[in-house]
Amino acid sequence: MVFFEPFAVERWMDEYETRATHDLAETCSLSLPLNDVLQWSRDDGEPALDASDFFSKRMGYGHIAGSPKLRQNIASLYNGSIKPDDVLVTQGAIGANFLAIVSLVSKGDHVICVHPTYQQLYELPKTFGADVDLWRLRPESQWQHQLQDLEKLLTKKTSLVIINNPNNPTGQVIPTETLSRLAELVKEKAAPGALILCDEVYRPLFHSLDNGSAAPPSILELGLDNVIATGSLSKAFSLAGLRVGWIATARRDVLQRLHANRDYNTISVSGVDDELAARALGKQCRAKILQRNIELARTNRAMLQKWVETPGRGTSWVPTRAGTTALVHLGQNVDDEAFCRALNEERGVNIVPAGLAFGQPGFVRIGYVGDSNVLSEGLEITGIAFSGEVVHLDRI
């Protein structure tokens, strides 16, 4: 029997998310109504649903790997670096990552995973018998990826290096030159044929790069032959309710292995989800979604920054560059888990204790690309709770 370690952040969300009046733990950009997607997709030449053959289609399994239209639109996210046949559609990025790891990791393999990150990415390789080392990011290094630390971990048994770009929970971005050098190091120092799995679920929500900086490319756009990327509609595209993610790689041998293993737990995604996802990722529609979410992220990030940097509060952070999440340090000698439990149970605000969920005691993870009013009110309540004062929700 396979034993999975409890998934700390998901257990926390299951316990506290629905009871909160102000959920600042949500990591998706503010969810979209389908009416917006259907309206915006008209700019891509899509007919209204009731004027199409959508409702007359028989609900069979459909295209096993994903419909041609959906895979075409996913491939177009990568600026010509992959073809539609290089894409395998999955049930969310969590399904994509699970499929990649179960297909690529064997007992006794050596796997390196960036940390902090989503627990799935390092716990699954352990569960399947790999020896896992963590490539640790540190606040004193601005949560940046230090290649000298990775180099010390790489061995001739290393078969897989797992990264997350943009990073959850830190909101930092791996520079292009660092990605390229990372791939070189894996070829030089790891086992022959070693691969890099890059979870890009928060891409392309680049909202706070340095002035004049262009959005960095996907790892698939660097011309590398040892990389796999995963993504989904949930975070940057505001459509978590459509359970659609994907794996993309130009390595046909790898994709064939993934496709064969996928038969054991996923025949196809919902045909309804596939059609709506394809419309959402049309060129004009996705541009509108991303414009909306980047503007929202910038507005809300400024609100969060003002809160974190309030004089005398004692909180601090490394300002985020992308994605929807931030790690905020509560100060010295603060029990993040106890604080977050009391904050939710007594005041109705949900944030994630990063000591429990990400191995970073004294920090909390805040998701800040949701409803601006909810964020503003939630931060106000949290600030009052942090100072030890009493707050009444009806006064906010």
Protein backbone atom coordinates (compact mmCIF):
# COMPACT_ATOMS: atom_id res chain seq x y z
CA MET A 1 0.00 0.00 0.00
CA VAL A 2 1.33 3.42 -0.97
CA PHE A 3 1.31 5.95 1.88
CA PHE A 4 1.07 9.64 1.02
CA GLU A 5 2.16 12.26 3.54
CA PRO A 6 -0.68 14.64 4.46
CA PHE A 7 -0.74 17.53 1.99
CA ALA A 8 -0.38 20.38 4.49
CA VAL A 9 -1.60 23.33 2.43
CA GLU A 10 -4.55 21.42 0.97
CA ARG A 11 -5.56 20.09 4.39
CA TRP A 12 -5.42 23.65 5.73
CA MET A 13 -7.54 24.96 2.86
CA ASP A 14 -10.08 22.18 3.32
CA GLU A 15 -10.39 22.99 7.01
CA TYR A 16 -10.50 26.78 6.86
CA GLU A 17 -11.29 28.09 3.38
CA THR A 18 -15.06 27.75 3.39
CA ARG A 19 -15.54 29.03 6.93
CA ALA A 20 -13.61 32.26 6.32
CA THR A 21 -15.35 35.55 5.59
CA HIS A 22 -12.13 36.89 4.06
CA ASP A 23 -10.08 34.29 2.21
CA LEU A 24 -6.55 35.59 1.64
CA ALA A 25 -5.22 32.09 1.07
CA GLU A 26 -6.69 31.59 -2.40
CA THR A 27 -3.97 31.35 -5.05
CA CYS A 28 -6.07 31.70 -8.21
CA SER A 29 -6.53 35.07 -9.83
CA LEU A 30 -10.06 36.29 -9.18
CA SER A 31 -12.26 33.72 -10.89
CA LEU A 32 -14.03 34.67 -14.10
CA PRO A 33 -17.67 34.03 -14.95
CA LEU A 34 -18.09 31.98 -18.11
CA ASN A 35 -20.12 34.76 -19.66
CA ASP A 36 -16.95 36.85 -19.92
CA VAL A 37 -15.06 34.03 -21.60
CA LEU A 38 -17.84 33.43 -24.08
CA GLN A 39 -18.13 37.13 -24.87
CA TRP A 40 -14.40 37.73 -25.26
CA SER A 41 -13.96 34.62 -27.38
CA ARG A 42 -16.21 36.20 -30.01
CA ASP A 43 -13.18 38.36 -30.90
CA ASP A 44 -11.44 35.14 -31.95
CA GLY A 45 -14.30 34.32 -34.30
CA GLU A 46 -15.99 31.87 -31.97
CA PRO A 47 -19.76 31.69 -32.40
CA ALA A 48 -22.15 31.96 -29.49
CA LEU A 49 -22.60 28.57 -27.86
CA ASP A 50 -26.25 28.39 -28.84
CA ALA A 51 -25.29 29.20 -32.45
CA SER A 52 -22.66 26.47 -32.57
CA ASP A 53 -22.94 22.69 -32.61
CA PHE A 54 -21.93 22.55 -28.94
CA PHE A 55 -25.32 21.46 -27.58
CA SER A 56 -25.96 18.97 -30.38
CA LYS A 57 -22.71 17.06 -29.87
CA ARG A 58 -22.96 13.65 -28.30
CA MET A 59 -21.08 13.51 -25.02
CA GLY A 60 -18.54 10.79 -25.76
CA TYR A 61 -14.95 10.72 -24.56
CA GLY A 62 -13.76 12.91 -27.40
CA HIS A 63 -10.10 13.45 -28.19
CA ILE A 64 -8.02 11.48 -25.70
CA ALA A 65 -5.00 13.81 -25.64
CA GLY A 66 -7.15 16.94 -25.90
CA SER A 67 -8.98 18.45 -28.86
CA PRO A 68 -6.91 19.80 -31.77
CA LYS A 69 -8.21 23.32 -31.11
CA LEU A 70 -7.26 23.23 -27.43
CA ARG A 71 -3.80 21.79 -28.06
CA GLN A 72 -3.22 24.34 -30.83
CA ASN A 73 -4.09 27.19 -28.48
CA ILE A 74 -1.91 25.79 -25.69
CA ALA A 75 1.02 25.36 -28.07
CA SER A 76 0.62 28.97 -29.21
CA LEU A 77 1.43 30.11 -25.66
CA TYR A 78 5.04 29.07 -26.29
CA ASN A 79 5.79 31.27 -29.31
CA GLY A 80 6.49 28.56 -31.84
CA SER A 81 8.78 26.46 -29.67
CA ILE A 82 6.42 23.46 -29.62
CA LYS A 83 3.72 21.96 -31.83
CA PRO A 84 0.17 20.93 -30.87
CA ASP A 85 1.30 17.30 -30.92
CA ASP A 86 3.79 18.16 -28.15
CA VAL A 87 0.91 18.87 -25.75
CA LEU A 88 -0.95 16.40 -23.55
CA VAL A 89 -4.07 17.73 -21.81
CA THR A 90 -4.66 16.72 -18.19
CA GLN A 91 -7.05 17.41 -15.34
CA GLY A 92 -5.39 20.52 -13.97
CA ALA A 93 -1.71 21.14 -13.35
CA ILE A 94 -1.91 18.89 -10.29
CA GLY A 95 -2.82 16.05 -12.66
CA ALA A 96 -0.04 17.06 -15.03
CA ASN A 97 2.58 17.06 -12.29
CA PHE A 98 1.37 13.75 -10.89
CA LEU A 99 1.52 12.12 -14.31
CA ALA A 100 4.99 13.49 -15.01
CA ILE A 101 6.42 12.38 -11.69
CA VAL A 102 4.86 8.91 -11.66
CA SER A 103 6.14 8.40 -15.22
CA LEU A 104 9.67 9.71 -14.72
CA VAL A 105 10.65 8.60 -11.20
CA SER A 106 11.69 5.10 -10.14
CA LYS A 107 12.69 3.68 -6.78
CA GLY A 108 16.30 4.57 -6.02
CA ASP A 109 16.43 7.58 -8.36
CA HIS A 110 17.91 10.82 -7.11
CA VAL A 111 15.57 13.80 -7.51
CA ILE A 112 16.27 17.44 -6.68
CA CYS A 113 13.34 19.78 -6.03
CA VAL A 114 13.34 23.50 -5.36
CA HIS A 115 12.07 24.52 -1.91
CA PRO A 116 9.85 26.17 -0.79
CA THR A 117 7.30 25.08 -3.33
CA TYR A 118 4.04 23.18 -3.70
CA GLN A 119 4.35 20.05 -1.56
CA GLN A 120 3.26 17.71 -4.36
CA LEU A 121 6.47 18.38 -6.27
CA TYR A 122 8.81 16.89 -3.65
CA GLU A 123 6.56 14.51 -1.72
CA LEU A 124 5.49 12.46 -4.74
CA PRO A 125 9.05 11.49 -5.73
CA LYS A 126 9.64 10.42 -2.11
CA THR A 127 6.45 8.38 -2.15
CA PHE A 128 7.57 6.56 -5.27
CA GLY A 129 10.91 5.63 -3.71
CA ALA A 130 13.27 8.34 -4.87
CA ASP A 131 15.95 9.95 -2.75
CA VAL A 132 14.98 13.63 -2.72
CA ASP A 133 17.24 16.58 -1.97
CA LEU A 134 15.81 20.07 -1.61
CA TRP A 135 17.34 23.00 -3.46
CA ARG A 136 16.63 25.55 -0.77
CA LEU A 137 15.80 29.18 -1.50
CA ARG A 138 16.53 31.63 1.31
CA PRO A 139 15.03 34.99 2.25
CA GLU A 140 18.50 36.46 2.86
CA SER A 141 19.21 35.74 -0.83
CA GLN A 142 15.89 37.33 -1.87
CA TRP A 143 14.51 33.83 -2.53
CA GLN A 144 16.70 33.67 -5.62
CA HIS A 145 17.88 30.39 -7.14
CA GLN A 146 21.55 30.00 -6.26
CA LEU A 147 23.14 27.73 -8.85
CA GLN A 148 26.13 26.96 -6.63
CA ASP A 149 23.73 25.31 -4.19
CA LEU A 150 22.19 23.21 -6.96
CA GLU A 151 25.62 22.19 -8.21
CA LYS A 152 26.48 20.75 -4.80
CA LEU A 153 23.38 18.54 -4.92
CA LEU A 154 23.74 17.16 -8.44
CA THR A 155 25.18 13.65 -8.78
CA LYS A 156 25.47 11.08 -11.54
CA LYS A 157 22.36 9.45 -10.04
CA THR A 158 20.24 12.58 -10.43
CA SER A 159 17.48 11.77 -12.92
CA LEU A 160 15.12 14.69 -12.41
CA VAL A 161 15.31 18.32 -11.27
CA ILE A 162 11.97 19.94 -10.41
CA ILE A 163 11.46 23.70 -10.38
CA ASN A 164 8.47 26.04 -10.15
CA ASN A 165 8.61 29.27 -12.15
CA PRO A 166 7.16 31.71 -11.14
CA ASN A 167 7.59 30.32 -7.67
CA ASN A 168 4.80 29.51 -5.26
CA PRO A 169 4.92 30.75 -2.50
CA THR A 170 7.61 33.43 -2.96
CA GLY A 171 6.37 35.10 -6.16
CA GLN A 172 9.91 35.23 -7.55
CA VAL A 173 11.03 34.54 -11.12
CA ILE A 174 14.04 32.57 -12.36
CA PRO A 175 16.04 34.77 -14.78
CA THR A 176 16.49 33.43 -18.30
CA GLU A 177 20.25 33.13 -17.97
CA THR A 178 19.82 31.13 -14.75
CA LEU A 179 17.42 28.73 -16.49
CA SER A 180 19.87 28.20 -19.34
CA ARG A 181 22.79 27.58 -17.00
CA LEU A 182 20.62 25.25 -14.89
CA ALA A 183 19.97 23.10 -17.96
CA GLU A 184 23.69 23.04 -18.73
CA LEU A 185 24.55 21.96 -15.19
CA VAL A 186 22.02 19.13 -15.36
CA LYS A 187 23.64 17.88 -18.56
CA GLU A 188 27.13 18.19 -17.10
CA LYS A 189 26.58 16.89 -13.57
CA ALA A 190 23.47 14.69 -13.53
CA ALA A 191 22.79 11.23 -14.89
CA PRO A 192 22.75 10.81 -18.67
CA GLY A 193 19.30 11.70 -19.93
CA ALA A 194 18.30 13.59 -16.79
CA LEU A 195 15.34 15.91 -17.23
CA ILE A 196 14.04 19.18 -15.81
CA LEU A 197 10.36 19.42 -14.89
CA CYS A 198 9.23 23.03 -14.66
CA ASP A 199 5.84 23.73 -13.11
CA GLU A 200 4.78 26.96 -14.84
CA VAL A 201 1.24 27.11 -13.49
CA TYR A 202 1.62 30.81 -12.52
CA ARG A 203 2.98 31.76 -15.92
CA PRO A 204 2.51 34.22 -17.67
CA LEU A 205 1.32 36.45 -14.82
CA PHE A 206 4.38 38.73 -14.78
CA HIS A 207 3.14 41.95 -13.20
CA SER A 208 6.00 43.54 -11.24
CA LEU A 209 9.25 42.99 -13.11
CA ASP A 210 12.00 45.59 -12.98
CA ASN A 211 11.38 48.62 -15.18
CA GLY A 212 12.10 47.82 -18.80
CA SER A 213 12.29 44.08 -18.22
CA ALA A 214 10.48 41.90 -20.71
CA ALA A 215 8.47 38.92 -19.55
CA PRO A 216 10.87 35.98 -19.42
CA PRO A 217 10.29 33.05 -21.78
CA SER A 218 9.01 29.65 -20.81
CA ILE A 219 11.68 27.04 -20.29
CA LEU A 220 10.31 25.44 -23.47
CA GLU A 221 11.35 28.51 -25.48
CA LEU A 222 15.07 28.21 -24.70
CA GLY A 223 15.85 25.55 -27.30
CA LEU A 224 16.66 22.91 -24.67
CA ASP A 225 16.16 19.19 -25.22
CA ASN A 226 15.90 18.08 -21.59
CA VAL A 227 12.87 20.02 -20.36
CA ILE A 228 9.17 19.47 -19.64
CA ALA A 229 6.68 22.16 -18.63
CA THR A 230 3.29 21.93 -16.97
CA GLY A 231 0.56 24.57 -16.83
CA SER A 232 -3.15 25.11 -16.36
CA LEU A 233 -6.06 27.52 -16.58
CA SER A 234 -6.37 27.89 -12.81
CA LYS A 235 -3.93 30.56 -11.64
CA ALA A 236 -3.06 33.09 -14.34
CA PHE A 237 -6.24 32.52 -16.36
CA SER A 238 -8.82 32.60 -13.53
CA LEU A 239 -10.63 29.41 -14.58
CA ALA A 240 -9.94 26.83 -11.88
CA GLY A 241 -13.47 25.52 -12.31
CA LEU A 242 -12.47 24.21 -15.72
CA ARG A 243 -10.27 21.33 -14.65
CA VAL A 244 -7.84 21.68 -17.53
CA GLY A 245 -4.05 21.55 -17.36
CA TRP A 246 -1.33 20.26 -19.62
CA ILE A 247 2.12 18.80 -20.07
CA ALA A 248 4.25 20.13 -22.91
CA THR A 249 7.59 18.89 -24.21
CA ALA A 250 9.33 18.58 -27.55
CA ARG A 251 10.71 15.22 -26.40
CA ARG A 252 8.47 12.72 -28.20
CA ASP A 253 9.96 9.75 -26.36
CA VAL A 254 9.02 11.33 -23.04
CA LEU A 255 5.57 12.35 -24.25
CA GLN A 256 4.86 8.81 -25.45
CA ARG A 257 5.72 7.46 -22.01
CA LEU A 258 3.44 10.00 -20.36
CA HIS A 259 0.64 9.24 -22.80
CA ALA A 260 0.86 5.50 -22.12
CA ASN A 261 0.79 5.96 -18.34
CA ARG A 262 -2.06 8.45 -18.56
CA ASP A 263 -4.34 5.65 -19.82
CA TYR A 264 -4.35 4.20 -16.30
CA ASN A 265 -6.05 7.14 -14.58
CA THR A 266 -7.38 9.57 -17.20
CA ILE A 267 -9.09 8.72 -20.47
CA SER A 268 -9.89 12.29 -21.42
CA VAL A 269 -10.86 15.54 -19.78
CA SER A 270 -14.49 16.64 -19.91
CA GLY A 271 -15.57 17.60 -23.40
CA VAL A 272 -17.36 20.61 -21.93
CA ASP A 273 -14.19 21.75 -20.17
CA ASP A 274 -12.13 21.16 -23.33
CA GLU A 275 -14.38 23.37 -25.48
CA LEU A 276 -14.53 26.20 -22.95
CA ALA A 277 -10.79 26.01 -22.29
CA ALA A 278 -10.05 26.19 -26.01
CA ARG A 279 -12.14 29.34 -26.25
CA ALA A 280 -10.47 30.89 -23.20
CA LEU A 281 -7.02 30.34 -24.71
CA GLY A 282 -7.85 31.90 -28.05
CA LYS A 283 -5.42 34.72 -28.78
CA GLN A 284 -7.80 37.63 -28.20
CA CYS A 285 -9.66 36.10 -25.29
CA ARG A 286 -6.55 35.16 -23.33
CA ALA A 287 -5.09 38.62 -23.93
CA LYS A 288 -8.14 40.16 -22.26
CA ILE A 289 -7.93 37.71 -19.35
CA LEU A 290 -4.26 38.44 -18.78
CA GLN A 291 -4.69 42.20 -19.08
CA ARG A 292 -7.45 42.06 -16.47
CA ASN A 293 -5.40 39.89 -14.11
CA ILE A 294 -2.14 41.81 -14.45
CA GLU A 295 -3.95 45.07 -13.64
CA LEU A 296 -5.63 43.40 -10.66
CA ALA A 297 -2.33 41.95 -9.46
CA ARG A 298 -0.61 45.35 -9.61
CA THR A 299 -3.43 47.07 -7.74
CA ASN A 300 -3.59 44.44 -5.02
CA ARG A 301 0.17 44.04 -4.72
CA ALA A 302 0.47 47.77 -3.98
CA MET A 303 -2.15 47.34 -1.26
CA LEU A 304 -0.27 44.39 0.23
CA GLN A 305 3.06 46.20 0.05
CA LYS A 306 1.67 49.18 1.93
CA TRP A 307 0.32 46.84 4.60
CA VAL A 308 3.54 44.83 4.97
CA GLU A 309 5.73 47.94 5.12
CA THR A 310 3.58 49.82 7.64
CA PRO A 311 6.03 51.44 10.10
CA GLY A 312 6.17 49.72 13.46
CA ARG A 313 4.31 46.59 12.40
CA GLY A 314 7.44 44.45 12.20
CA THR A 315 6.38 42.54 9.11
CA SER A 316 8.64 42.22 6.08
CA TRP A 317 8.83 40.55 2.67
CA VAL A 318 10.79 40.19 -0.51
CA PRO A 319 8.57 42.07 -2.99
CA THR A 320 6.97 39.72 -5.47
CA ARG A 321 7.56 39.82 -9.23
CA ALA A 322 4.93 37.48 -10.63
CA GLY A 323 2.16 35.06 -9.80
CA THR A 324 -0.43 35.48 -7.07
CA THR A 325 1.33 34.58 -3.80
CA ALA A 326 3.66 36.27 -1.35
CA LEU A 327 5.60 35.13 1.69
CA VAL A 328 5.32 37.64 4.52
CA HIS A 329 7.51 37.41 7.62
CA LEU A 330 5.56 38.16 10.79
CA GLY A 331 8.59 39.09 12.82
CA GLN A 332 10.67 37.45 15.48
CA ASN A 333 9.14 34.89 17.83
CA VAL A 334 5.72 34.78 16.16
CA ASP A 335 4.07 31.37 15.99
CA ASP A 336 2.67 31.52 12.46
CA GLU A 337 0.40 28.48 12.81
CA ALA A 338 -1.15 29.60 16.10
CA PHE A 339 -1.65 33.10 14.72
CA CYS A 340 -3.33 31.84 11.54
CA ARG A 341 -5.65 29.48 13.43
CA ALA A 342 -6.75 32.23 15.79
CA LEU A 343 -7.11 34.69 12.94
CA ASN A 344 -9.49 32.36 11.11
CA GLU A 345 -11.41 30.97 14.05
CA GLU A 346 -11.85 34.28 15.87
CA ARG A 347 -11.85 36.84 13.07
CA GLY A 348 -12.75 34.99 9.86
CA VAL A 349 -9.59 35.69 7.86
CA ASN A 350 -7.82 32.80 6.15
CA ILE A 351 -4.09 32.95 5.44
CA VAL A 352 -1.69 30.02 5.28
CA PRO A 353 0.98 29.42 7.95
CA ALA A 354 4.14 28.88 5.96
CA GLY A 355 5.88 26.99 8.75
CA LEU A 356 3.26 24.26 8.45
CA ALA A 357 2.78 24.32 4.68
CA PHE A 358 6.17 25.39 3.29
CA GLY A 359 8.77 24.75 5.98
CA GLN A 360 9.25 28.48 6.65
CA PRO A 361 8.46 29.17 10.33
CA GLY A 362 7.45 32.71 11.13
CA PHE A 363 6.13 33.36 7.62
CA VAL A 364 2.63 33.31 6.17
CA ARG A 365 1.57 32.91 2.57
CA ILE A 366 -0.93 35.44 1.29
CA GLY A 367 -2.79 35.09 -1.99
CA TYR A 368 -3.41 38.65 -3.17
CA VAL A 369 -4.91 38.54 -6.68
CA GLY A 370 -8.49 38.01 -5.57
CA ASP A 371 -11.24 40.51 -4.89
CA SER A 372 -9.66 43.87 -3.96
CA ASN A 373 -12.28 44.69 -1.32
CA VAL A 374 -11.84 41.31 0.35
CA LEU A 375 -8.07 41.81 0.40
CA SER A 376 -8.35 45.33 1.82
CA GLU A 377 -10.76 44.32 4.56
CA GLY A 378 -8.86 41.11 5.32
CA LEU A 379 -5.57 42.97 5.69
CA GLU A 380 -7.20 45.53 7.97
CA ILE A 381 -8.59 42.80 10.22
CA THR A 382 -5.25 40.98 10.16
CA GLY A 383 -3.38 44.15 11.10
CA ILE A 384 -5.66 44.74 14.07
CA ALA A 385 -5.34 41.10 15.14
CA PHE A 386 -1.58 41.32 14.79
CA SER A 387 -1.47 44.29 17.13
CA GLY A 388 -3.59 42.38 19.65
CA GLU A 389 -6.65 44.62 19.43
CA VAL A 390 -10.29 43.50 19.24
CA VAL A 391 -12.03 43.77 15.87
CA HIS A 392 -15.74 43.50 15.07
CA LEU A 393 -16.48 42.46 11.49
CA ASP A 394 -19.59 44.65 11.33
CA ARG A 395 -17.42 47.74 11.74
CA ILE A 396 -15.30 47.06 8.66
